[in-house]
Amino acid sequence: MSTKITLTINSNRFDIDVDEKFAKYLNTQIAEDFGIETNSDIKLLIQAYVRKNYEIYEHKNEIDLLTQRVEDSL
């Protein structure tokens, strides 16, 4: 089942349909990054995008390190 999340960025509304379970997580993340009930500007969106990509980068590095450790132990 999908759930609609509405964002307002630069006075433009955007409706996004996502899985219901993911919607709960996404709502929390959006609220932390720039607020779901406010009219965000492009600068906040870009900052949130960069922040999330940095988190993904760090997680990828951790996974790569763990994978290497497992391979080395075999």
PDB file of N, CA and C in Angstrom:
ATOM      1  N   MET A   1       0.847  -1.179   0.000  1.00  0.00           N
ATOM      2  CA  MET A   1       0.000   0.000   0.000  1.00  0.00           C
ATOM      3  C   MET A   1       0.889   1.237   0.000  1.00  0.00           C
ATOM      4  N   SER A   2       0.521   2.236  -0.771  1.00  0.00           N
ATOM      5  CA  SER A   2       1.338   3.440  -0.836  1.00  0.00           C
ATOM      6  C   SER A   2       0.711   4.561  -0.005  1.00  0.00           C
ATOM      7  N   THR A   3       1.582   5.463   0.408  1.00  0.00           N
ATOM      8  CA  THR A   3       1.194   6.628   1.189  1.00  0.00           C
ATOM      9  C   THR A   3       1.747   7.862   0.496  1.00  0.00           C
ATOM     10  N   LYS A   4       0.963   8.936   0.513  1.00  0.00           N
ATOM     11  CA  LYS A   4       1.404  10.160  -0.134  1.00  0.00           C
ATOM     12  C   LYS A   4       2.069  11.079   0.888  1.00  0.00           C
ATOM     13  N   ILE A   5       3.238  11.581   0.540  1.00  0.00           N
ATOM     14  CA  ILE A   5       3.946  12.576   1.332  1.00  0.00           C
ATOM     15  C   ILE A   5       4.001  13.840   0.486  1.00  0.00           C
ATOM     16  N   THR A   6       3.648  14.958   1.089  1.00  0.00           N
ATOM     17  CA  THR A   6       3.655  16.223   0.369  1.00  0.00           C
ATOM     18  C   THR A   6       4.744  17.128   0.921  1.00  0.00           C
ATOM     19  N   LEU A   7       5.588  17.621   0.028  1.00  0.00           N
ATOM     20  CA  LEU A   7       6.642  18.568   0.379  1.00  0.00           C
ATOM     21  C   LEU A   7       6.370  19.881  -0.329  1.00  0.00           C
ATOM     22  N   THR A   8       6.700  20.978   0.334  1.00  0.00           N
ATOM     23  CA  THR A   8       6.621  22.279  -0.311  1.00  0.00           C
ATOM     24  C   THR A   8       8.029  22.852  -0.370  1.00  0.00           C
ATOM     25  N   ILE A   9       8.486  23.074  -1.592  1.00  0.00           N
ATOM     26  CA  ILE A   9       9.834  23.585  -1.812  1.00  0.00           C
ATOM     27  C   ILE A   9       9.727  24.762  -2.768  1.00  0.00           C
ATOM     28  N   ASN A  10      10.244  25.887  -2.303  1.00  0.00           N
ATOM     29  CA  ASN A  10      10.173  27.112  -3.109  1.00  0.00           C
ATOM     30  C   ASN A  10       8.736  27.412  -3.548  1.00  0.00           C
ATOM     31  N   SER A  11       7.814  27.246  -2.634  1.00  0.00           N
ATOM     32  CA  SER A  11       6.381  27.495  -2.852  1.00  0.00           C
ATOM     33  C   SER A  11       5.737  26.555  -3.865  1.00  0.00           C
ATOM     34  N   ASN A  12       6.392  25.461  -4.196  1.00  0.00           N
ATOM     35  CA  ASN A  12       5.838  24.445  -5.085  1.00  0.00           C
ATOM     36  C   ASN A  12       5.574  23.183  -4.284  1.00  0.00           C
ATOM     37  N   ARG A  13       4.359  22.647  -4.433  1.00  0.00           N
ATOM     38  CA  ARG A  13       4.006  21.405  -3.724  1.00  0.00           C
ATOM     39  C   ARG A  13       4.402  20.205  -4.566  1.00  0.00           C
ATOM     40  N   PHE A  14       4.959  19.218  -3.898  1.00  0.00           N
ATOM     41  CA  PHE A  14       5.341  17.972  -4.552  1.00  0.00           C
ATOM     42  C   PHE A  14       4.737  16.823  -3.763  1.00  0.00           C
ATOM     43  N   ASP A  15       3.965  15.981  -4.432  1.00  0.00           N
ATOM     44  CA  ASP A  15       3.393  14.793  -3.818  1.00  0.00           C
ATOM     45  C   ASP A  15       4.220  13.590  -4.232  1.00  0.00           C
ATOM     46  N   ILE A  16       4.590  12.809  -3.241  1.00  0.00           N
ATOM     47  CA  ILE A  16       5.421  11.636  -3.488  1.00  0.00           C
ATOM     48  C   ILE A  16       4.690  10.423  -2.923  1.00  0.00           C
ATOM     49  N   ASP A  17       4.475   9.408  -3.744  1.00  0.00           N
ATOM     50  CA  ASP A  17       3.863   8.167  -3.280  1.00  0.00           C
ATOM     51  C   ASP A  17       4.963   7.168  -2.953  1.00  0.00           C
ATOM     52  N   VAL A  18       4.944   6.690  -1.706  1.00  0.00           N
ATOM     53  CA  VAL A  18       5.941   5.712  -1.261  1.00  0.00           C
ATOM     54  C   VAL A  18       5.230   4.618  -0.470  1.00  0.00           C
ATOM     55  N   ASP A  19       5.921   3.510  -0.286  1.00  0.00           N
ATOM     56  CA  ASP A  19       5.416   2.407   0.520  1.00  0.00           C
ATOM     57  C   ASP A  19       5.091   2.900   1.930  1.00  0.00           C
ATOM     58  N   GLU A  20       4.039   2.387   2.513  1.00  0.00           N
ATOM     59  CA  GLU A  20       3.570   2.850   3.822  1.00  0.00           C
ATOM     60  C   GLU A  20       4.638   2.728   4.910  1.00  0.00           C
ATOM     61  N   LYS A  21       5.356   1.619   4.946  1.00  0.00           N
ATOM     62  CA  LYS A  21       6.413   1.444   5.961  1.00  0.00           C
ATOM     63  C   LYS A  21       7.531   2.460   5.757  1.00  0.00           C
ATOM     64  N   PHE A  22       7.917   2.656   4.507  1.00  0.00           N
ATOM     65  CA  PHE A  22       8.979   3.621   4.210  1.00  0.00           C
ATOM     66  C   PHE A  22       8.518   5.040   4.499  1.00  0.00           C
ATOM     67  N   ALA A  23       7.228   5.321   4.324  1.00  0.00           N
ATOM     68  CA  ALA A  23       6.687   6.666   4.551  1.00  0.00           C
ATOM     69  C   ALA A  23       6.929   7.122   5.986  1.00  0.00           C
ATOM     70  N   LYS A  24       6.777   6.233   6.944  1.00  0.00           N
ATOM     71  CA  LYS A  24       7.021   6.593   8.347  1.00  0.00           C
ATOM     72  C   LYS A  24       8.475   7.011   8.545  1.00  0.00           C
ATOM     73  N   TYR A  25       9.373   6.235   8.005  1.00  0.00           N
ATOM     74  CA  TYR A  25      10.803   6.556   8.095  1.00  0.00           C
ATOM     75  C   TYR A  25      11.110   7.856   7.361  1.00  0.00           C
ATOM     76  N   LEU A  26      10.587   7.988   6.156  1.00  0.00           N
ATOM     77  CA  LEU A  26      10.864   9.161   5.336  1.00  0.00           C
ATOM     78  C   LEU A  26      10.328  10.436   5.983  1.00  0.00           C
ATOM     79  N   ASN A  27       9.139  10.375   6.551  1.00  0.00           N
ATOM     80  CA  ASN A  27       8.589  11.542   7.248  1.00  0.00           C
ATOM     81  C   ASN A  27       9.510  12.008   8.361  1.00  0.00           C
ATOM     82  N   THR A  28      10.041  11.075   9.121  1.00  0.00           N
ATOM     83  CA  THR A  28      10.964  11.419  10.209  1.00  0.00           C
ATOM     84  C   THR A  28      12.225  12.064   9.663  1.00  0.00           C
ATOM     85  N   GLN A  29      12.783  11.492   8.614  1.00  0.00           N
ATOM     86  CA  GLN A  29      14.011  12.018   8.029  1.00  0.00           C
ATOM     87  C   GLN A  29      13.795  13.400   7.422  1.00  0.00           C
ATOM     88  N   ILE A  30      12.701  13.584   6.738  1.00  0.00           N
ATOM     89  CA  ILE A  30      12.405  14.884   6.137  1.00  0.00           C
ATOM     90  C   ILE A  30      12.242  15.937   7.225  1.00  0.00           C
ATOM     91  N   ALA A  31      11.546  15.584   8.290  1.00  0.00           N
ATOM     92  CA  ALA A  31      11.352  16.523   9.395  1.00  0.00           C
ATOM     93  C   ALA A  31      12.689  16.915  10.014  1.00  0.00           C
ATOM     94  N   GLU A  32      13.601  15.967  10.141  1.00  0.00           N
ATOM     95  CA  GLU A  32      14.933  16.259  10.692  1.00  0.00           C
ATOM     96  C   GLU A  32      15.753  17.129   9.742  1.00  0.00           C
ATOM     97  N   ASP A  33      15.630  16.871   8.443  1.00  0.00           N
ATOM     98  CA  ASP A  33      16.469  17.569   7.470  1.00  0.00           C
ATOM     99  C   ASP A  33      16.002  18.990   7.180  1.00  0.00           C
ATOM    100  N   PHE A  34      14.693  19.171   6.990  1.00  0.00           N
ATOM    101  CA  PHE A  34      14.248  20.522   6.677  1.00  0.00           C
ATOM    102  C   PHE A  34      12.804  20.807   7.014  1.00  0.00           C
ATOM    103  N   GLY A  35      12.130  19.931   7.691  1.00  0.00           N
ATOM    104  CA  GLY A  35      10.764  20.164   8.136  1.00  0.00           C
ATOM    105  C   GLY A  35       9.743  19.861   7.068  1.00  0.00           C
ATOM    106  N   ILE A  36       8.831  19.009   7.385  1.00  0.00           N
ATOM    107  CA  ILE A  36       7.835  18.580   6.402  1.00  0.00           C
ATOM    108  C   ILE A  36       6.668  19.546   6.305  1.00  0.00           C
ATOM    109  N   GLU A  37       6.422  20.339   7.328  1.00  0.00           N
ATOM    110  CA  GLU A  37       5.272  21.243   7.343  1.00  0.00           C
ATOM    111  C   GLU A  37       5.619  22.657   6.897  1.00  0.00           C
ATOM    112  N   THR A  38       6.844  22.879   6.479  1.00  0.00           N
ATOM    113  CA  THR A  38       7.264  24.233   6.134  1.00  0.00           C
ATOM    114  C   THR A  38       7.542  24.365   4.640  1.00  0.00           C
ATOM    115  N   ASN A  39       7.654  25.592   4.197  1.00  0.00           N
ATOM    116  CA  ASN A  39       8.037  25.877   2.821  1.00  0.00           C
ATOM    117  C   ASN A  39       9.559  25.972   2.783  1.00  0.00           C
ATOM    118  N   SER A  40      10.196  24.908   2.375  1.00  0.00           N
ATOM    119  CA  SER A  40      11.657  24.870   2.351  1.00  0.00           C
ATOM    120  C   SER A  40      12.189  25.534   1.092  1.00  0.00           C
ATOM    121  N   ASP A  41      13.401  26.016   1.171  1.00  0.00           N
ATOM    122  CA  ASP A  41      14.014  26.573  -0.027  1.00  0.00           C
ATOM    123  C   ASP A  41      15.003  25.569  -0.609  1.00  0.00           C
ATOM    124  N   ILE A  42      15.467  25.872  -1.794  1.00  0.00           N
ATOM    125  CA  ILE A  42      16.362  24.969  -2.516  1.00  0.00           C
ATOM    126  C   ILE A  42      17.646  24.715  -1.726  1.00  0.00           C
ATOM    127  N   LYS A  43      18.153  25.720  -1.037  1.00  0.00           N
ATOM    128  CA  LYS A  43      19.388  25.573  -0.273  1.00  0.00           C
ATOM    129  C   LYS A  43      19.250  24.468   0.772  1.00  0.00           C
ATOM    130  N   LEU A  44      18.133  24.425   1.498  1.00  0.00           N
ATOM    131  CA  LEU A  44      17.919  23.378   2.496  1.00  0.00           C
ATOM    132  C   LEU A  44      17.830  22.005   1.848  1.00  0.00           C
ATOM    133  N   LEU A  45      17.189  21.934   0.694  1.00  0.00           N
ATOM    134  CA  LEU A  45      17.079  20.667  -0.017  1.00  0.00           C
ATOM    135  C   LEU A  45      18.452  20.161  -0.444  1.00  0.00           C
ATOM    136  N   ILE A  46      19.276  21.045  -0.966  1.00  0.00           N
ATOM    137  CA  ILE A  46      20.622  20.654  -1.387  1.00  0.00           C
ATOM    138  C   ILE A  46      21.464  20.223  -0.191  1.00  0.00           C
ATOM    139  N   GLN A  47      21.361  20.948   0.919  1.00  0.00           N
ATOM    140  CA  GLN A  47      22.102  20.573   2.127  1.00  0.00           C
ATOM    141  C   GLN A  47      21.675  19.191   2.608  1.00  0.00           C
ATOM    142  N   ALA A  48      20.382  18.921   2.609  1.00  0.00           N
ATOM    143  CA  ALA A  48      19.876  17.615   3.030  1.00  0.00           C
ATOM    144  C   ALA A  48      20.377  16.521   2.085  1.00  0.00           C
ATOM    145  N   TYR A  49      20.367  16.806   0.800  1.00  0.00           N
ATOM    146  CA  TYR A  49      20.837  15.852  -0.203  1.00  0.00           C
ATOM    147  C   TYR A  49      22.309  15.509   0.023  1.00  0.00           C
ATOM    148  N   VAL A  50      23.124  16.520   0.234  1.00  0.00           N
ATOM    149  CA  VAL A  50      24.556  16.296   0.449  1.00  0.00           C
ATOM    150  C   VAL A  50      24.780  15.530   1.754  1.00  0.00           C
ATOM    151  N   ARG A  51      24.053  15.903   2.802  1.00  0.00           N
ATOM    152  CA  ARG A  51      24.178  15.224   4.093  1.00  0.00           C
ATOM    153  C   ARG A  51      23.836  13.733   3.968  1.00  0.00           C
ATOM    154  N   LYS A  52      22.750  13.433   3.284  1.00  0.00           N
ATOM    155  CA  LYS A  52      22.334  12.034   3.107  1.00  0.00           C
ATOM    156  C   LYS A  52      23.340  11.265   2.252  1.00  0.00           C
ATOM    157  N   ASN A  53      23.869  11.908   1.231  1.00  0.00           N
ATOM    158  CA  ASN A  53      24.862  11.219   0.415  1.00  0.00           C
ATOM    159  C   ASN A  53      26.145  10.971   1.190  1.00  0.00           C
ATOM    160  N   TYR A  54      26.493  11.862   2.094  1.00  0.00           N
ATOM    161  CA  TYR A  54      27.666  11.637   2.931  1.00  0.00           C
ATOM    162  C   TYR A  54      27.416  10.448   3.865  1.00  0.00           C
ATOM    163  N   GLU A  55      26.218  10.340   4.395  1.00  0.00           N
ATOM    164  CA  GLU A  55      25.886   9.190   5.238  1.00  0.00           C
ATOM    165  C   GLU A  55      26.000   7.894   4.445  1.00  0.00           C
ATOM    166  N   ILE A  56      25.506   7.901   3.205  1.00  0.00           N
ATOM    167  CA  ILE A  56      25.606   6.725   2.342  1.00  0.00           C
ATOM    168  C   ILE A  56      27.071   6.395   2.062  1.00  0.00           C
ATOM    169  N   TYR A  57      27.868   7.409   1.804  1.00  0.00           N
ATOM    170  CA  TYR A  57      29.309   7.239   1.562  1.00  0.00           C
ATOM    171  C   TYR A  57      29.979   6.581   2.773  1.00  0.00           C
ATOM    172  N   GLU A  58      29.664   7.076   3.978  1.00  0.00           N
ATOM    173  CA  GLU A  58      30.254   6.494   5.187  1.00  0.00           C
ATOM    174  C   GLU A  58      29.813   5.041   5.363  1.00  0.00           C
ATOM    175  N   HIS A  59      28.533   4.767   5.134  1.00  0.00           N
ATOM    176  CA  HIS A  59      28.043   3.391   5.267  1.00  0.00           C
ATOM    177  C   HIS A  59      28.703   2.472   4.248  1.00  0.00           C
ATOM    178  N   LYS A  60      28.873   2.952   3.029  1.00  0.00           N
ATOM    179  CA  LYS A  60      29.538   2.140   2.007  1.00  0.00           C
ATOM    180  C   LYS A  60      30.966   1.820   2.421  1.00  0.00           C
ATOM    181  N   ASN A  61      31.680   2.810   2.971  1.00  0.00           N
ATOM    182  CA  ASN A  61      33.044   2.569   3.425  1.00  0.00           C
ATOM    183  C   ASN A  61      33.071   1.553   4.560  1.00  0.00           C
ATOM    184  N   GLU A  62      32.122   1.633   5.470  1.00  0.00           N
ATOM    185  CA  GLU A  62      32.051   0.661   6.563  1.00  0.00           C
ATOM    186  C   GLU A  62      31.771  -0.737   6.031  1.00  0.00           C
ATOM    187  N   ILE A  63      30.854  -0.855   5.085  1.00  0.00           N
ATOM    188  CA  ILE A  63      30.536  -2.149   4.491  1.00  0.00           C
ATOM    189  C   ILE A  63      31.747  -2.706   3.761  1.00  0.00           C
ATOM    190  N   ASP A  64      32.439  -1.864   3.006  1.00  0.00           N
ATOM    191  CA  ASP A  64      33.636  -2.308   2.294  1.00  0.00           C
ATOM    192  C   ASP A  64      34.701  -2.813   3.271  1.00  0.00           C
ATOM    193  N   LEU A  65      34.879  -2.090   4.380  1.00  0.00           N
ATOM    194  CA  LEU A  65      35.855  -2.498   5.389  1.00  0.00           C
ATOM    195  C   LEU A  65      35.469  -3.835   6.020  1.00  0.00           C
ATOM    196  N   LEU A  66      34.203  -3.989   6.362  1.00  0.00           N
ATOM    197  CA  LEU A  66      33.742  -5.251   6.944  1.00  0.00           C
ATOM    198  C   LEU A  66      33.863  -6.401   5.954  1.00  0.00           C
ATOM    199  N   THR A  67      33.537  -6.125   4.697  1.00  0.00           N
ATOM    200  CA  THR A  67      33.665  -7.160   3.653  1.00  0.00           C
ATOM    201  C   THR A  67      35.123  -7.584   3.519  1.00  0.00           C
ATOM    202  N   GLN A  68      36.022  -6.643   3.531  1.00  0.00           N
ATOM    203  CA  GLN A  68      37.451  -6.953   3.431  1.00  0.00           C
ATOM    204  C   GLN A  68      37.924  -7.777   4.620  1.00  0.00           C
ATOM    205  N   ARG A  69      37.466  -7.439   5.808  1.00  0.00           N
ATOM    206  CA  ARG A  69      37.833  -8.197   7.010  1.00  0.00           C
ATOM    207  C   ARG A  69      37.334  -9.635   6.933  1.00  0.00           C
ATOM    208  N   VAL A  70      36.113  -9.809   6.448  1.00  0.00           N
ATOM    209  CA  VAL A  70      35.553 -11.162   6.315  1.00  0.00           C
ATOM    210  C   VAL A  70      36.358 -11.937   5.272  1.00  0.00           C
ATOM    211  N   GLU A  71      36.658 -11.322   4.145  1.00  0.00           N
ATOM    212  CA  GLU A  71      37.434 -11.989   3.105  1.00  0.00           C
ATOM    213  C   GLU A  71      38.829 -12.351   3.602  1.00  0.00           C
ATOM    214  N   ASP A  72      39.437 -11.473   4.389  1.00  0.00           N
ATOM    215  CA  ASP A  72      40.780 -11.733   4.918  1.00  0.00           C
ATOM    216  C   ASP A  72      40.774 -12.870   5.935  1.00  0.00           C
ATOM    217  N   SER A  73      39.656 -13.059   6.619  1.00  0.00           N
ATOM    218  CA  SER A  73      39.602 -14.094   7.653  1.00  0.00           C
ATOM    219  C   SER A  73      39.303 -15.472   7.078  1.00  0.00           C
ATOM    220  N   LEU A  74      38.933 -15.541   5.800  1.00  0.00           N
ATOM    221  CA  LEU A  74      38.623 -16.831   5.188  1.00  0.00           C
ATOM    222  C   LEU A  74      39.844 -17.580   4.764  1.00  0.00           C
TER     223      LEU A  74
END
